[in-house]
Amino acid sequence: MSKMNLPNKLTIFRVILIVPFVVCLLGGEAGWFGENPLGADLAALVIFIVASLTDLADGKIARKYHLVTNFGKFMDPLADKLLVCSALIALVELDRIPAWVVIIIIAREFIISGFRLVASDSGVVIAASYWGKFKTTFQMVMVCLMLVNVPGAEEKLPWLNPAAQILMWIALALTILSLVDYLMKNKDVLKEQK
């Protein structure tokens, strides 16, 4: 087995960071870290930002130094989905985002993953679209704002909740738009082969 390159190590690191992220986020609210959950929320925010930055770094490094691997092609988008979906599910638990929004976002990920599976069986590779990249970026920024939006934050940062809500609607719109874009551009994948 070949040695794991830096982009793949960053991807694995991103997956590993999900555990302390969720522990800090949910544990802070549950009182695992004492009376003040704000410290745990800030720790969760820092971990999420670091994990999100590894997403930017691993792709750039892989392309710049020609380190693109099959493992990276498979694991990088999976790591993104695991990170964002873990954050969104935890935020539902904390009552910071409506469950129906998260259901739509996660359903889109299942649909696209299934679509890519069918495409790969036909020998077709479906590349990530710009809409999908915008969607992921807005989702990550939205999650960051919702992580900061703890009880009492609205007094010091009155713009925070409205900004998080606006980003939620933009992320939701981009989720639906990117799904429609994928399906329209690749509708031939679902046609039966003769």
N, C-alpha and C. Protein backbone atom coordinates (compact mmCIF):
# COMPACT_ATOMS: atom_id res chain seq x y z
N MET A 1 0.86 -1.19 0.00
CA MET A 1 0.00 0.00 0.00
C MET A 1 0.89 1.24 0.00
N SER A 2 0.54 2.21 -0.82
CA SER A 2 1.37 3.41 -0.90
C SER A 2 1.16 4.30 0.32
N LYS A 3 2.17 5.15 0.56
CA LYS A 3 2.12 6.06 1.69
C LYS A 3 1.03 7.09 1.47
N MET A 4 0.33 7.44 2.54
CA MET A 4 -0.76 8.41 2.42
C MET A 4 -0.18 9.81 2.23
N ASN A 5 -0.68 10.54 1.21
CA ASN A 5 -0.15 11.88 0.96
C ASN A 5 -0.82 12.93 1.86
N LEU A 6 -0.30 14.16 1.82
CA LEU A 6 -0.78 15.23 2.70
C LEU A 6 -2.27 15.55 2.50
N PRO A 7 -2.76 15.72 1.26
CA PRO A 7 -4.19 16.01 1.12
C PRO A 7 -5.08 14.93 1.74
N ASN A 8 -4.70 13.66 1.58
CA ASN A 8 -5.50 12.59 2.17
C ASN A 8 -5.42 12.60 3.69
N LYS A 9 -4.24 12.96 4.23
CA LYS A 9 -4.11 13.09 5.69
C LYS A 9 -5.01 14.20 6.22
N LEU A 10 -5.08 15.32 5.47
CA LEU A 10 -5.95 16.43 5.88
C LEU A 10 -7.41 16.01 5.85
N THR A 11 -7.79 15.21 4.86
CA THR A 11 -9.16 14.72 4.76
C THR A 11 -9.50 13.83 5.95
N ILE A 12 -8.59 12.91 6.28
CA ILE A 12 -8.79 12.03 7.44
C ILE A 12 -8.87 12.85 8.72
N PHE A 13 -8.00 13.87 8.83
CA PHE A 13 -8.00 14.76 9.99
C PHE A 13 -9.36 15.44 10.13
N ARG A 14 -9.94 15.87 9.00
CA ARG A 14 -11.26 16.52 9.01
C ARG A 14 -12.32 15.58 9.58
N VAL A 15 -12.27 14.32 9.18
CA VAL A 15 -13.23 13.34 9.70
C VAL A 15 -13.03 13.14 11.20
N ILE A 16 -11.78 13.04 11.63
CA ILE A 16 -11.48 12.84 13.06
C ILE A 16 -11.98 14.02 13.89
N LEU A 17 -11.87 15.25 13.35
CA LEU A 17 -12.30 16.45 14.08
C LEU A 17 -13.80 16.48 14.36
N ILE A 18 -14.57 15.69 13.64
CA ILE A 18 -16.03 15.66 13.86
C ILE A 18 -16.35 15.23 15.28
N VAL A 19 -15.58 14.28 15.81
CA VAL A 19 -15.88 13.76 17.16
C VAL A 19 -15.71 14.85 18.23
N PRO A 20 -14.54 15.51 18.35
CA PRO A 20 -14.45 16.57 19.37
C PRO A 20 -15.41 17.73 19.10
N PHE A 21 -15.69 18.00 17.82
CA PHE A 21 -16.63 19.07 17.49
C PHE A 21 -18.00 18.78 18.09
N VAL A 22 -18.53 17.59 17.84
CA VAL A 22 -19.86 17.23 18.34
C VAL A 22 -19.86 17.15 19.86
N VAL A 23 -18.78 16.60 20.44
CA VAL A 23 -18.69 16.51 21.91
C VAL A 23 -18.72 17.90 22.53
N CYS A 24 -17.96 18.84 21.97
CA CYS A 24 -17.97 20.21 22.51
C CYS A 24 -19.33 20.87 22.34
N LEU A 25 -19.91 20.72 21.16
CA LEU A 25 -21.17 21.40 20.88
C LEU A 25 -22.31 20.87 21.74
N LEU A 26 -22.51 19.57 21.76
CA LEU A 26 -23.61 19.00 22.53
C LEU A 26 -23.28 18.90 24.02
N GLY A 27 -22.00 18.64 24.32
CA GLY A 27 -21.59 18.54 25.72
C GLY A 27 -21.66 19.85 26.46
N GLY A 28 -21.38 20.95 25.76
CA GLY A 28 -21.47 22.27 26.38
C GLY A 28 -22.88 22.58 26.81
N GLU A 29 -23.83 22.26 25.97
CA GLU A 29 -25.24 22.49 26.26
C GLU A 29 -25.73 21.56 27.37
N ALA A 30 -25.18 20.36 27.42
CA ALA A 30 -25.60 19.37 28.43
C ALA A 30 -24.93 19.59 29.78
N GLY A 31 -24.00 20.55 29.85
CA GLY A 31 -23.35 20.85 31.12
C GLY A 31 -22.15 19.99 31.43
N TRP A 32 -21.61 19.31 30.42
CA TRP A 32 -20.44 18.45 30.64
C TRP A 32 -19.20 19.26 31.00
N PHE A 33 -19.19 20.53 30.62
CA PHE A 33 -17.99 21.35 30.82
C PHE A 33 -18.22 22.45 31.85
N GLY A 34 -19.15 22.24 32.77
CA GLY A 34 -19.41 23.22 33.82
C GLY A 34 -20.62 24.08 33.51
N GLU A 35 -20.70 25.17 34.23
CA GLU A 35 -21.88 26.04 34.17
C GLU A 35 -21.96 26.88 32.90
N ASN A 36 -20.82 27.19 32.30
CA ASN A 36 -20.81 28.11 31.17
C ASN A 36 -20.60 27.35 29.85
N PRO A 37 -21.69 27.16 29.07
CA PRO A 37 -21.56 26.42 27.81
C PRO A 37 -20.87 27.23 26.71
N LEU A 38 -20.65 28.54 26.95
CA LEU A 38 -20.07 29.39 25.92
C LEU A 38 -18.67 28.93 25.52
N GLY A 39 -17.87 28.51 26.48
CA GLY A 39 -16.52 28.03 26.18
C GLY A 39 -16.55 26.82 25.27
N ALA A 40 -17.47 25.90 25.54
CA ALA A 40 -17.59 24.70 24.71
C ALA A 40 -18.09 25.07 23.31
N ASP A 41 -19.01 26.02 23.22
CA ASP A 41 -19.50 26.47 21.91
C ASP A 41 -18.38 27.12 21.10
N LEU A 42 -17.56 27.92 21.78
CA LEU A 42 -16.44 28.56 21.08
C LEU A 42 -15.41 27.51 20.63
N ALA A 43 -15.18 26.50 21.48
CA ALA A 43 -14.27 25.41 21.10
C ALA A 43 -14.83 24.68 19.88
N ALA A 44 -16.15 24.43 19.87
CA ALA A 44 -16.80 23.77 18.72
C ALA A 44 -16.63 24.63 17.47
N LEU A 45 -16.80 25.94 17.61
CA LEU A 45 -16.65 26.85 16.48
C LEU A 45 -15.23 26.79 15.91
N VAL A 46 -14.22 26.83 16.80
CA VAL A 46 -12.82 26.78 16.35
C VAL A 46 -12.55 25.46 15.63
N ILE A 47 -13.03 24.36 16.20
CA ILE A 47 -12.82 23.05 15.57
C ILE A 47 -13.49 23.01 14.20
N PHE A 48 -14.70 23.54 14.10
CA PHE A 48 -15.42 23.54 12.82
C PHE A 48 -14.68 24.38 11.78
N ILE A 49 -14.17 25.54 12.19
CA ILE A 49 -13.42 26.40 11.26
C ILE A 49 -12.15 25.70 10.79
N VAL A 50 -11.42 25.08 11.72
CA VAL A 50 -10.20 24.34 11.34
C VAL A 50 -10.55 23.23 10.36
N ALA A 51 -11.62 22.48 10.65
CA ALA A 51 -12.04 21.39 9.75
C ALA A 51 -12.42 21.93 8.38
N SER A 52 -13.13 23.05 8.36
CA SER A 52 -13.53 23.66 7.08
C SER A 52 -12.31 24.13 6.29
N LEU A 53 -11.32 24.66 6.98
CA LEU A 53 -10.10 25.11 6.30
C LEU A 53 -9.31 23.94 5.71
N THR A 54 -9.36 22.78 6.37
CA THR A 54 -8.69 21.62 5.79
C THR A 54 -9.36 21.22 4.47
N ASP A 55 -10.66 21.52 4.35
CA ASP A 55 -11.37 21.23 3.09
C ASP A 55 -10.81 22.08 1.96
N LEU A 56 -10.53 23.35 2.26
CA LEU A 56 -9.92 24.22 1.25
C LEU A 56 -8.50 23.77 0.92
N ALA A 57 -7.75 23.46 1.97
CA ALA A 57 -6.33 23.14 1.80
C ALA A 57 -6.10 21.84 1.05
N ASP A 58 -6.85 20.78 1.39
CA ASP A 58 -6.54 19.49 0.78
C ASP A 58 -6.75 19.49 -0.73
N GLY A 59 -7.82 20.14 -1.18
CA GLY A 59 -8.08 20.21 -2.62
C GLY A 59 -7.03 21.01 -3.36
N LYS A 60 -6.65 22.16 -2.79
CA LYS A 60 -5.64 23.01 -3.45
C LYS A 60 -4.30 22.31 -3.53
N ILE A 61 -3.90 21.68 -2.43
CA ILE A 61 -2.61 20.97 -2.42
C ILE A 61 -2.64 19.81 -3.42
N ALA A 62 -3.74 19.05 -3.42
CA ALA A 62 -3.83 17.88 -4.31
C ALA A 62 -3.72 18.29 -5.78
N ARG A 63 -4.40 19.39 -6.14
CA ARG A 63 -4.36 19.83 -7.55
C ARG A 63 -3.01 20.46 -7.90
N LYS A 64 -2.47 21.29 -7.01
CA LYS A 64 -1.22 21.99 -7.30
C LYS A 64 -0.03 21.03 -7.45
N TYR A 65 0.02 20.02 -6.59
CA TYR A 65 1.16 19.11 -6.60
C TYR A 65 0.84 17.75 -7.24
N HIS A 66 -0.27 17.70 -7.95
CA HIS A 66 -0.67 16.48 -8.67
C HIS A 66 -0.73 15.28 -7.73
N LEU A 67 -1.41 15.47 -6.60
CA LEU A 67 -1.54 14.41 -5.60
C LEU A 67 -2.97 13.89 -5.53
N VAL A 68 -3.73 14.06 -6.61
CA VAL A 68 -5.11 13.59 -6.64
C VAL A 68 -5.10 12.06 -6.68
N THR A 69 -5.85 11.45 -5.76
CA THR A 69 -5.92 9.98 -5.69
C THR A 69 -7.38 9.54 -5.71
N ASN A 70 -7.60 8.27 -5.97
CA ASN A 70 -8.96 7.73 -5.92
C ASN A 70 -9.52 7.82 -4.51
N PHE A 71 -8.64 7.58 -3.51
CA PHE A 71 -9.06 7.70 -2.12
C PHE A 71 -9.55 9.13 -1.85
N GLY A 72 -8.79 10.12 -2.31
CA GLY A 72 -9.16 11.52 -2.11
C GLY A 72 -10.46 11.87 -2.81
N LYS A 73 -10.62 11.37 -4.05
CA LYS A 73 -11.86 11.65 -4.79
C LYS A 73 -13.08 11.10 -4.07
N PHE A 74 -12.90 9.95 -3.42
CA PHE A 74 -14.00 9.34 -2.68
C PHE A 74 -14.20 10.00 -1.32
N MET A 75 -13.08 10.16 -0.59
CA MET A 75 -13.17 10.54 0.82
C MET A 75 -13.40 12.03 1.04
N ASP A 76 -12.86 12.89 0.16
CA ASP A 76 -12.99 14.34 0.38
C ASP A 76 -14.46 14.79 0.41
N PRO A 77 -15.27 14.46 -0.61
CA PRO A 77 -16.67 14.89 -0.51
C PRO A 77 -17.43 14.21 0.63
N LEU A 78 -17.04 12.97 0.94
CA LEU A 78 -17.69 12.27 2.05
C LEU A 78 -17.37 12.97 3.38
N ALA A 79 -16.12 13.39 3.55
CA ALA A 79 -15.71 14.11 4.77
C ALA A 79 -16.50 15.42 4.90
N ASP A 80 -16.69 16.14 3.78
CA ASP A 80 -17.48 17.37 3.81
C ASP A 80 -18.90 17.10 4.27
N LYS A 81 -19.50 16.06 3.70
CA LYS A 81 -20.88 15.73 4.03
C LYS A 81 -21.00 15.32 5.51
N LEU A 82 -20.05 14.52 5.98
CA LEU A 82 -20.08 14.10 7.38
C LEU A 82 -19.95 15.30 8.32
N LEU A 83 -19.05 16.21 8.00
CA LEU A 83 -18.84 17.39 8.84
C LEU A 83 -20.09 18.27 8.88
N VAL A 84 -20.59 18.65 7.70
CA VAL A 84 -21.74 19.56 7.65
C VAL A 84 -22.99 18.89 8.22
N CYS A 85 -23.25 17.64 7.86
CA CYS A 85 -24.45 16.96 8.36
C CYS A 85 -24.39 16.76 9.87
N SER A 86 -23.22 16.44 10.42
CA SER A 86 -23.07 16.31 11.87
C SER A 86 -23.39 17.63 12.56
N ALA A 87 -22.87 18.72 11.99
CA ALA A 87 -23.12 20.05 12.56
C ALA A 87 -24.61 20.39 12.50
N LEU A 88 -25.24 20.14 11.37
CA LEU A 88 -26.66 20.48 11.22
C LEU A 88 -27.54 19.67 12.15
N ILE A 89 -27.25 18.37 12.28
CA ILE A 89 -28.06 17.53 13.18
C ILE A 89 -27.88 17.99 14.63
N ALA A 90 -26.66 18.34 15.02
CA ALA A 90 -26.41 18.84 16.37
C ALA A 90 -27.14 20.17 16.58
N LEU A 91 -27.16 21.02 15.57
CA LEU A 91 -27.86 22.31 15.68
C LEU A 91 -29.37 22.14 15.78
N VAL A 92 -29.91 21.10 15.17
CA VAL A 92 -31.34 20.79 15.36
C VAL A 92 -31.58 20.44 16.82
N GLU A 93 -30.70 19.58 17.37
CA GLU A 93 -30.81 19.17 18.78
C GLU A 93 -30.78 20.39 19.71
N LEU A 94 -29.99 21.42 19.33
CA LEU A 94 -29.87 22.63 20.14
C LEU A 94 -30.93 23.67 19.81
N ASP A 95 -31.83 23.33 18.90
CA ASP A 95 -32.95 24.20 18.50
C ASP A 95 -32.47 25.51 17.87
N ARG A 96 -31.39 25.42 17.07
CA ARG A 96 -30.88 26.60 16.39
C ARG A 96 -31.21 26.61 14.90
N ILE A 97 -31.71 25.49 14.40
CA ILE A 97 -32.11 25.41 12.99
C ILE A 97 -33.30 24.46 12.90
N PRO A 98 -34.29 24.78 12.06
CA PRO A 98 -35.45 23.89 11.94
C PRO A 98 -35.07 22.54 11.33
N ALA A 99 -35.68 21.49 11.85
CA ALA A 99 -35.37 20.13 11.37
C ALA A 99 -35.71 19.98 9.89
N TRP A 100 -36.78 20.63 9.41
CA TRP A 100 -37.18 20.44 8.01
C TRP A 100 -36.12 20.97 7.05
N VAL A 101 -35.40 22.03 7.45
CA VAL A 101 -34.32 22.56 6.61
C VAL A 101 -33.20 21.53 6.50
N VAL A 102 -32.86 20.93 7.64
CA VAL A 102 -31.79 19.93 7.66
C VAL A 102 -32.20 18.70 6.86
N ILE A 103 -33.45 18.31 6.94
CA ILE A 103 -33.94 17.16 6.17
C ILE A 103 -33.77 17.41 4.67
N ILE A 104 -34.10 18.61 4.21
CA ILE A 104 -33.93 18.94 2.78
C ILE A 104 -32.46 18.88 2.39
N ILE A 105 -31.58 19.46 3.24
CA ILE A 105 -30.15 19.49 2.93
C ILE A 105 -29.58 18.07 2.88
N ILE A 106 -29.93 17.24 3.86
CA ILE A 106 -29.42 15.87 3.89
C ILE A 106 -30.02 15.03 2.76
N ALA A 107 -31.30 15.24 2.47
CA ALA A 107 -31.93 14.50 1.36
C ALA A 107 -31.23 14.80 0.05
N ARG A 108 -30.84 16.05 -0.16
CA ARG A 108 -30.10 16.42 -1.38
C ARG A 108 -28.80 15.63 -1.47
N GLU A 109 -28.11 15.49 -0.34
CA GLU A 109 -26.84 14.76 -0.34
C GLU A 109 -27.06 13.29 -0.69
N PHE A 110 -28.11 12.68 -0.16
CA PHE A 110 -28.43 11.29 -0.49
C PHE A 110 -28.76 11.14 -1.98
N ILE A 111 -29.55 12.07 -2.51
CA ILE A 111 -29.95 12.00 -3.92
C ILE A 111 -28.72 12.10 -4.82
N ILE A 112 -27.84 13.08 -4.55
CA ILE A 112 -26.65 13.26 -5.37
C ILE A 112 -25.71 12.06 -5.24
N SER A 113 -25.56 11.53 -4.03
CA SER A 113 -24.70 10.36 -3.84
C SER A 113 -25.23 9.16 -4.62
N GLY A 114 -26.53 8.96 -4.57
CA GLY A 114 -27.14 7.87 -5.34
C GLY A 114 -26.99 8.08 -6.84
N PHE A 115 -27.17 9.31 -7.25
CA PHE A 115 -27.01 9.67 -8.66
C PHE A 115 -25.59 9.38 -9.14
N ARG A 116 -24.61 9.76 -8.31
CA ARG A 116 -23.20 9.51 -8.67
C ARG A 116 -22.90 8.01 -8.72
N LEU A 117 -23.54 7.25 -7.86
CA LEU A 117 -23.34 5.80 -7.85
C LEU A 117 -23.84 5.18 -9.15
N VAL A 118 -25.04 5.60 -9.58
CA VAL A 118 -25.59 5.12 -10.85
C VAL A 118 -24.68 5.54 -12.00
N ALA A 119 -24.20 6.77 -11.96
CA ALA A 119 -23.33 7.28 -13.03
C ALA A 119 -22.03 6.49 -13.09
N SER A 120 -21.44 6.18 -11.93
CA SER A 120 -20.17 5.46 -11.93
C SER A 120 -20.34 4.05 -12.48
N ASP A 121 -21.51 3.44 -12.26
CA ASP A 121 -21.78 2.12 -12.85
C ASP A 121 -21.79 2.18 -14.37
N SER A 122 -22.15 3.35 -14.91
CA SER A 122 -22.16 3.54 -16.36
C SER A 122 -20.84 4.09 -16.88
N GLY A 123 -19.86 4.25 -15.98
CA GLY A 123 -18.56 4.77 -16.38
C GLY A 123 -18.52 6.27 -16.52
N VAL A 124 -19.52 6.96 -15.96
CA VAL A 124 -19.60 8.42 -16.06
C VAL A 124 -19.17 9.02 -14.72
N VAL A 125 -18.28 10.01 -14.78
CA VAL A 125 -17.87 10.73 -13.58
C VAL A 125 -18.58 12.07 -13.56
N ILE A 126 -19.31 12.33 -12.49
CA ILE A 126 -20.02 13.60 -12.37
C ILE A 126 -19.16 14.53 -11.52
N ALA A 127 -18.65 15.57 -12.15
CA ALA A 127 -17.79 16.52 -11.44
C ALA A 127 -18.63 17.44 -10.56
N ALA A 128 -17.98 17.97 -9.53
CA ALA A 128 -18.66 18.94 -8.67
C ALA A 128 -18.93 20.21 -9.47
N SER A 129 -20.10 20.78 -9.25
CA SER A 129 -20.46 22.00 -9.97
C SER A 129 -20.18 23.22 -9.10
N TYR A 130 -20.18 24.39 -9.74
CA TYR A 130 -20.00 25.63 -8.98
C TYR A 130 -21.15 25.82 -8.00
N TRP A 131 -22.37 25.45 -8.41
CA TRP A 131 -23.51 25.60 -7.49
C TRP A 131 -23.29 24.75 -6.24
N GLY A 132 -22.76 23.54 -6.43
CA GLY A 132 -22.49 22.67 -5.28
C GLY A 132 -21.42 23.26 -4.37
N LYS A 133 -20.41 23.88 -4.97
CA LYS A 133 -19.35 24.50 -4.16
C LYS A 133 -19.88 25.72 -3.40
N PHE A 134 -20.71 26.54 -4.08
CA PHE A 134 -21.34 27.68 -3.39
C PHE A 134 -22.20 27.19 -2.24
N LYS A 135 -22.95 26.12 -2.50
CA LYS A 135 -23.83 25.54 -1.48
C LYS A 135 -23.04 25.14 -0.25
N THR A 136 -21.94 24.44 -0.46
CA THR A 136 -21.11 23.99 0.67
C THR A 136 -20.53 25.18 1.43
N THR A 137 -20.06 26.19 0.70
CA THR A 137 -19.49 27.38 1.35
C THR A 137 -20.54 28.08 2.21
N PHE A 138 -21.73 28.30 1.65
CA PHE A 138 -22.78 28.98 2.42
C PHE A 138 -23.22 28.15 3.61
N GLN A 139 -23.28 26.82 3.45
CA GLN A 139 -23.66 25.97 4.57
C GLN A 139 -22.63 26.08 5.69
N MET A 140 -21.35 26.10 5.33
CA MET A 140 -20.30 26.18 6.36
C MET A 140 -20.32 27.53 7.08
N VAL A 141 -20.52 28.61 6.34
CA VAL A 141 -20.59 29.94 6.97
C VAL A 141 -21.84 30.02 7.84
N MET A 142 -22.96 29.49 7.36
CA MET A 142 -24.20 29.47 8.14
C MET A 142 -23.99 28.72 9.45
N VAL A 143 -23.34 27.56 9.39
CA VAL A 143 -23.08 26.77 10.60
C VAL A 143 -22.23 27.59 11.58
N CYS A 144 -21.21 28.28 11.08
CA CYS A 144 -20.36 29.11 11.94
C CYS A 144 -21.18 30.16 12.67
N LEU A 145 -22.07 30.85 11.96
CA LEU A 145 -22.90 31.87 12.61
C LEU A 145 -23.85 31.25 13.63
N MET A 146 -24.38 30.07 13.31
CA MET A 146 -25.29 29.42 14.25
C MET A 146 -24.55 28.89 15.49
N LEU A 147 -23.28 28.57 15.32
CA LEU A 147 -22.48 28.14 16.47
C LEU A 147 -22.23 29.30 17.43
N VAL A 148 -22.09 30.49 16.88
CA VAL A 148 -21.86 31.69 17.70
C VAL A 148 -23.17 32.17 18.33
N ASN A 149 -24.28 31.82 17.71
CA ASN A 149 -25.59 32.32 18.13
C ASN A 149 -26.10 31.59 19.38
N VAL A 150 -25.37 31.76 20.47
CA VAL A 150 -25.72 31.12 21.75
C VAL A 150 -26.62 32.06 22.54
N PRO A 151 -27.34 31.55 23.56
CA PRO A 151 -28.17 32.43 24.39
C PRO A 151 -27.36 33.59 24.96
N GLY A 152 -27.88 34.77 24.81
CA GLY A 152 -27.20 35.98 25.28
C GLY A 152 -26.37 36.67 24.22
N ALA A 153 -26.07 35.98 23.14
CA ALA A 153 -25.24 36.59 22.09
C ALA A 153 -25.97 37.71 21.37
N GLU A 154 -27.32 37.59 21.27
CA GLU A 154 -28.07 38.60 20.53
C GLU A 154 -27.99 39.99 21.17
N GLU A 155 -27.68 40.05 22.49
CA GLU A 155 -27.55 41.35 23.15
C GLU A 155 -26.28 42.06 22.69
N LYS A 156 -25.19 41.30 22.55
CA LYS A 156 -23.93 41.90 22.15
C LYS A 156 -23.78 41.98 20.63
N LEU A 157 -24.39 41.04 19.94
CA LEU A 157 -24.30 40.99 18.47
C LEU A 157 -25.72 40.88 17.88
N PRO A 158 -26.46 42.00 17.87
CA PRO A 158 -27.87 41.94 17.45
C PRO A 158 -28.06 41.52 15.99
N TRP A 159 -27.03 41.65 15.16
CA TRP A 159 -27.13 41.29 13.75
C TRP A 159 -26.97 39.79 13.52
N LEU A 160 -26.50 39.06 14.57
CA LEU A 160 -26.11 37.67 14.39
C LEU A 160 -27.26 36.76 13.97
N ASN A 161 -28.37 36.80 14.71
CA ASN A 161 -29.49 35.92 14.37
C ASN A 161 -30.08 36.24 13.00
N PRO A 162 -30.33 37.52 12.66
CA PRO A 162 -30.83 37.80 11.31
C PRO A 162 -29.86 37.34 10.21
N ALA A 163 -28.56 37.53 10.44
CA ALA A 163 -27.57 37.10 9.45
C ALA A 163 -27.58 35.58 9.29
N ALA A 164 -27.68 34.87 10.40
CA ALA A 164 -27.73 33.40 10.35
C ALA A 164 -28.98 32.93 9.62
N GLN A 165 -30.10 33.62 9.86
CA GLN A 165 -31.35 33.24 9.18
C GLN A 165 -31.27 33.50 7.67
N ILE A 166 -30.70 34.63 7.30
CA ILE A 166 -30.55 34.94 5.86
C ILE A 166 -29.66 33.90 5.20
N LEU A 167 -28.54 33.57 5.85
CA LEU A 167 -27.64 32.55 5.29
C LEU A 167 -28.31 31.19 5.21
N MET A 168 -29.18 30.89 6.19
CA MET A 168 -29.90 29.61 6.15
C MET A 168 -30.77 29.54 4.90
N TRP A 169 -31.49 30.63 4.60
CA TRP A 169 -32.36 30.63 3.41
C TRP A 169 -31.54 30.58 2.12
N ILE A 170 -30.41 31.27 2.10
CA ILE A 170 -29.54 31.23 0.90
C ILE A 170 -28.99 29.81 0.72
N ALA A 171 -28.51 29.21 1.83
CA ALA A 171 -27.96 27.84 1.76
C ALA A 171 -29.04 26.86 1.31
N LEU A 172 -30.26 27.04 1.80
CA LEU A 172 -31.35 26.17 1.40
C LEU A 172 -31.66 26.32 -0.09
N ALA A 173 -31.71 27.57 -0.56
CA ALA A 173 -31.96 27.83 -1.99
C ALA A 173 -30.86 27.22 -2.85
N LEU A 174 -29.59 27.39 -2.42
CA LEU A 174 -28.47 26.82 -3.18
C LEU A 174 -28.48 25.29 -3.15
N THR A 175 -28.96 24.72 -2.04
CA THR A 175 -29.09 23.27 -1.94
C THR A 175 -30.05 22.76 -3.01
N ILE A 176 -31.20 23.41 -3.13
CA ILE A 176 -32.21 23.00 -4.12
C ILE A 176 -31.72 23.30 -5.53
N LEU A 177 -31.15 24.48 -5.73
CA LEU A 177 -30.65 24.87 -7.06
C LEU A 177 -29.55 23.94 -7.54
N SER A 178 -28.62 23.59 -6.65
CA SER A 178 -27.52 22.69 -7.06
C SER A 178 -28.06 21.29 -7.37
N LEU A 179 -29.09 20.86 -6.65
CA LEU A 179 -29.70 19.56 -6.94
C LEU A 179 -30.33 19.56 -8.32
N VAL A 180 -31.11 20.60 -8.61
CA VAL A 180 -31.76 20.71 -9.93
C VAL A 180 -30.70 20.79 -11.02
N ASP A 181 -29.63 21.54 -10.78
CA ASP A 181 -28.54 21.67 -11.75
C ASP A 181 -27.91 20.31 -12.05
N TYR A 182 -27.60 19.54 -11.00
CA TYR A 182 -27.03 18.20 -11.18
C TYR A 182 -27.96 17.32 -12.00
N LEU A 183 -29.24 17.32 -11.63
CA LEU A 183 -30.19 16.44 -12.29
C LEU A 183 -30.40 16.82 -13.76
N MET A 184 -30.49 18.12 -14.03
CA MET A 184 -30.71 18.57 -15.41
C MET A 184 -29.49 18.27 -16.29
N LYS A 185 -28.30 18.52 -15.77
CA LYS A 185 -27.08 18.31 -16.57
C LYS A 185 -26.78 16.83 -16.80
N ASN A 186 -27.27 15.99 -15.91
CA ASN A 186 -26.90 14.57 -15.98
C ASN A 186 -28.11 13.66 -16.09
N LYS A 187 -29.21 14.17 -16.63
CA LYS A 187 -30.44 13.37 -16.69
C LYS A 187 -30.27 12.10 -17.53
N ASP A 188 -29.34 12.10 -18.48
CA ASP A 188 -29.13 10.92 -19.33
C ASP A 188 -28.58 9.74 -18.54
N VAL A 189 -28.01 10.00 -17.36
CA VAL A 189 -27.46 8.91 -16.55
C VAL A 189 -28.57 7.92 -16.14
N LEU A 190 -29.77 8.44 -15.96
CA LEU A 190 -30.87 7.58 -15.51
C LEU A 190 -31.56 6.82 -16.64
N LYS A 191 -31.20 7.12 -17.87
CA LYS A 191 -31.81 6.39 -19.00
C LYS A 191 -31.27 4.98 -19.05
N GLU A 192 -32.14 4.05 -19.32
CA GLU A 192 -31.73 2.65 -19.41
C GLU A 192 -30.82 2.44 -20.60
N GLN A 193 -29.75 1.69 -20.38
CA GLN A 193 -28.84 1.36 -21.48
C GLN A 193 -29.44 0.25 -22.32
N LYS A 194 -29.34 0.34 -23.64
CA LYS A 194 -29.88 -0.70 -24.51
C LYS A 194 -28.84 -1.76 -24.77
